Protein backbone atom coordinates (compact mmCIF):
# COMPACT_ATOMS: atom_id res chain seq x y z
CA MET A 1 0.00 0.00 0.00
CA GLU A 2 2.90 2.33 0.77
CA LYS A 3 4.20 1.82 -2.78
CA LEU A 4 0.86 2.89 -4.21
CA PHE A 5 0.88 6.10 -2.21
CA ARG A 6 4.45 6.75 -3.34
CA ILE A 7 3.36 6.35 -6.98
CA ILE A 8 0.46 8.75 -6.43
CA PHE A 9 2.79 11.26 -4.81
CA LEU A 10 5.35 11.02 -7.60
CA SER A 11 2.73 11.35 -10.33
CA SER A 12 1.16 14.39 -8.67
CA ARG A 13 4.61 15.87 -8.15
CA CYS A 14 5.25 15.60 -11.90
CA VAL A 15 2.09 17.54 -12.61
CA PHE A 16 2.43 20.20 -9.97
CA SER A 17 6.15 20.87 -10.07
CA LEU A 18 6.89 24.52 -9.38
CA ASN A 19 9.74 24.75 -11.87
CA SER A 20 7.90 23.34 -14.87
CA VAL A 21 5.21 24.70 -17.08
CA LEU A 22 2.00 22.70 -16.90
CA SER A 23 1.03 21.28 -20.23
CA LEU A 24 -2.41 19.93 -20.88
CA GLU A 25 -0.91 16.62 -22.02
CA SER A 26 1.08 16.13 -18.80
CA VAL A 27 -1.98 16.94 -16.68
CA PHE A 28 -4.12 14.38 -18.52
CA SER A 29 -1.44 11.68 -18.43
CA SER A 30 -0.91 12.21 -14.71
CA LEU A 31 -4.63 12.18 -14.01
CA PHE A 32 -4.95 8.99 -16.05
CA LEU A 33 -2.18 7.38 -13.99
CA LEU A 34 -3.83 8.55 -10.79
CA ILE A 35 -7.18 7.05 -11.84
CA LEU A 36 -5.51 3.73 -12.70
CA VAL A 37 -3.83 3.61 -9.29
CA LEU A 38 -7.09 4.42 -7.53
CA LEU A 39 -8.87 1.66 -9.48
CA LEU A 40 -6.13 -0.75 -8.47
CA ILE A 41 -6.57 0.20 -4.81
CA LEU A 42 -10.33 -0.28 -5.11
CA GLN A 43 -9.88 -3.68 -6.74
CA MET A 44 -7.49 -4.79 -4.01
CA SER A 45 -9.98 -3.81 -1.31
CA VAL A 46 -12.81 -5.95 -2.75
CA PRO A 47 -12.70 -9.37 -1.03
CA LEU A 48 -12.60 -12.49 -3.18
CA GLN A 49 -15.80 -14.46 -3.38
CA THR A 50 -14.40 -17.81 -2.22
CA TYR A 51 -16.36 -20.92 -3.11
CA VAL A 52 -15.96 -24.22 -1.27
CA GLY A 53 -15.71 -27.56 -3.03
CA PHE A 54 -15.88 -31.02 -1.50
CA VAL A 55 -14.52 -34.06 -3.31
CA ASP A 56 -14.42 -37.76 -2.58
CA GLY A 57 -13.48 -40.97 -4.27
CA ALA A 58 -14.95 -44.39 -3.51
CA CYS A 59 -13.17 -47.60 -4.35
CA HIS A 60 -14.21 -51.26 -4.11
CA ASN A 61 -10.89 -52.78 -3.04
CA THR A 62 -11.32 -56.30 -4.37
CA LEU A 63 -12.50 -55.25 -7.83
CA ASN A 64 -10.50 -51.98 -8.05
CA ILE A 65 -13.64 -50.27 -9.30
CA SER A 66 -14.01 -46.66 -8.25
CA SER A 67 -16.17 -43.59 -8.56
CA VAL A 68 -15.80 -39.93 -7.70
CA ALA A 69 -18.05 -37.10 -6.60
CA TRP A 70 -17.72 -33.36 -6.15
CA VAL A 71 -19.92 -30.68 -4.62
CA ILE A 72 -19.58 -26.90 -4.97
CA TYR A 73 -20.98 -24.36 -2.51
CA SER A 74 -21.19 -20.61 -3.07
CA PRO A 75 -19.68 -18.08 -0.64
CA SER A 76 -23.17 -17.79 0.90
CA ASP A 77 -23.29 -21.60 1.48
CA GLU A 78 -25.77 -22.28 -1.31
CA LEU A 79 -25.39 -25.50 -3.28
CA VAL A 80 -24.08 -24.62 -6.75
CA SER A 81 -23.44 -28.06 -8.21
CA MET A 82 -23.05 -31.72 -7.30
CA HIS A 83 -22.00 -34.53 -9.59
CA GLY A 84 -20.53 -38.00 -9.56
CA VAL A 85 -19.13 -40.40 -12.14
CA SER A 86 -17.91 -43.97 -12.25
CA LEU A 87 -14.29 -44.37 -13.27
CA GLY A 88 -14.11 -48.12 -13.80
CA GLN A 89 -10.99 -49.94 -12.67
CA THR A 90 -8.64 -47.59 -10.82
CA LYS A 91 -6.99 -47.32 -7.45
CA ASN A 92 -8.19 -45.13 -4.58
CA ASN A 93 -5.59 -42.33 -4.89
CA ILE A 94 -6.22 -42.06 -8.63
CA ALA A 95 -9.91 -41.65 -7.84
CA GLU A 96 -9.16 -38.88 -5.32
CA TYR A 97 -7.02 -36.96 -7.83
CA SER A 98 -9.66 -37.48 -10.53
CA ALA A 99 -12.28 -36.00 -8.20
CA VAL A 100 -10.10 -32.91 -7.66
CA ILE A 101 -9.60 -32.55 -11.43
CA GLU A 102 -13.35 -32.81 -12.06
CA LEU A 103 -14.09 -30.24 -9.34
CA LEU A 104 -11.53 -27.78 -10.70
CA SER A 105 -12.78 -28.24 -14.28
CA GLU A 106 -16.39 -27.63 -13.31
CA SER A 107 -15.44 -24.65 -11.14
CA ILE A 108 -13.64 -23.11 -14.11
CA SER A 109 -16.72 -23.66 -16.29
CA PHE A 110 -18.79 -21.73 -13.71
CA GLY A 111 -16.28 -18.87 -13.77
CA ILE A 112 -15.14 -19.47 -10.19
CA ARG A 113 -11.78 -17.79 -9.51
CA SER A 114 -11.37 -18.44 -5.77
CA LEU A 115 -11.83 -21.93 -4.34
CA ILE A 116 -11.18 -23.93 -1.19
CA VAL A 117 -11.03 -27.66 -1.91
CA ARG A 118 -11.86 -29.96 1.00
CA LEU A 119 -11.24 -33.70 0.91
CA ASP A 120 -10.71 -36.54 3.34
CA SER A 121 -7.61 -37.98 1.66
CA GLU A 122 -4.74 -36.69 3.76
CA LEU A 123 -2.15 -38.06 1.33
CA VAL A 124 -3.59 -36.18 -1.65
CA VAL A 125 -3.90 -32.95 0.37
CA LEU A 126 -0.28 -33.20 1.54
CA GLN A 127 0.89 -33.89 -2.02
CA LEU A 128 -1.13 -30.99 -3.46
CA ASN A 129 0.22 -28.71 -0.72
CA ARG A 130 3.75 -29.88 -1.66
CA VAL A 131 4.48 -31.46 1.72
CA TYR A 132 4.87 -34.99 0.32
CA ALA A 133 6.68 -35.95 -2.86
CA ILE A 134 4.98 -38.02 -5.56
CA ARG A 135 6.80 -41.11 -6.76
CA ASN A 136 4.01 -42.87 -8.65
CA PRO A 137 4.17 -41.77 -12.34
CA VAL A 138 0.38 -42.01 -12.79
CA LEU A 139 -0.26 -39.83 -9.73
CA LEU A 140 2.44 -37.42 -10.88
CA ARG A 141 0.68 -37.00 -14.23
CA LEU A 142 -2.62 -36.28 -12.43
CA PHE A 143 -0.84 -33.90 -10.04
CA LEU A 144 0.58 -31.96 -13.01
CA ARG A 145 -2.88 -31.80 -14.56
CA VAL A 146 -4.18 -30.27 -11.31
CA ARG A 147 -1.36 -27.71 -11.42
CA LEU A 148 -2.36 -26.71 -14.97
CA LEU A 149 -5.98 -26.23 -13.90
CA GLU A 150 -4.87 -24.17 -10.88
CA ARG A 151 -3.57 -21.49 -13.25
CA LYS A 152 -7.18 -20.49 -13.96
CA PHE A 153 -7.72 -19.50 -10.31
CA ASP A 154 -6.73 -16.37 -8.43
CA TYR A 155 -6.82 -18.30 -5.15
CA ILE A 156 -6.94 -22.02 -4.39
CA GLU A 157 -6.42 -23.90 -1.14
CA TYR A 158 -6.52 -27.61 -0.26
CA GLN A 159 -7.77 -28.64 3.17
CA HIS A 160 -7.93 -32.05 4.79
CA ILE A 161 -11.19 -32.75 6.60
CA PRO A 162 -12.46 -35.81 8.48
CA ARG A 163 -14.70 -38.15 6.52
CA SER A 164 -17.60 -37.22 8.79
CA LEU A 165 -17.53 -33.68 7.35
CA ASN A 166 -17.58 -34.93 3.76
CA THR A 167 -20.91 -36.76 3.88
CA LEU A 168 -22.58 -35.43 0.70
CA ALA A 169 -19.65 -36.08 -1.63
CA ASP A 170 -19.08 -39.46 0.07
CA ALA A 171 -22.73 -40.44 -0.39
CA ILE A 172 -22.73 -39.48 -4.07
CA ALA A 173 -19.47 -41.36 -4.73
CA SER A 174 -20.79 -44.44 -2.90
CA ARG A 175 -24.07 -44.30 -4.85
CA MET A 176 -22.19 -44.09 -8.15
CA LEU A 177 -20.03 -47.05 -7.10
CA ASN A 178 -23.07 -49.14 -6.14
CA ARG A 179 -24.72 -48.37 -9.50
CA HIS A 180 -21.59 -49.58 -11.27
CA LEU A 181 -21.45 -52.79 -9.22
CA LYS A 182 -25.06 -53.79 -10.04
């Protein structure tokens, strides 16, 4: 903020210097710069409208069949979207990453620029937050895909939550898995 005030001061000093003759062009260019700086300050003071997304993956261990689900809530806690899909034969961590990818893709399609992603897979959260390294090449490919999608957001955060706080996404993923098993 101090830098912005310094820019304003310097631009006004250019216009109102005692030793120089004021030209109409210099006044307009300085006023234009001043307006741009003020708009920047106004934009910085507007809080981001942060949405919250929940994701979950369900996996039938013996058959390696999995499904994923994601739910998006608005900043005012209204349900924006909820979906689930069956993935077929995959492992649990692949399902969790796929759920994150689906959530990010759908959030982008809704024009969401600020998102908190909550999931009950501690491993995936720690990998996405760059605490744990990724050694599995398939997971690394999915991780890199998440990083590409993240570029479309102004703000994104990954939070680990207990399974008991992820009931809607868990129920949708389980329902999709049961449909696939029938």
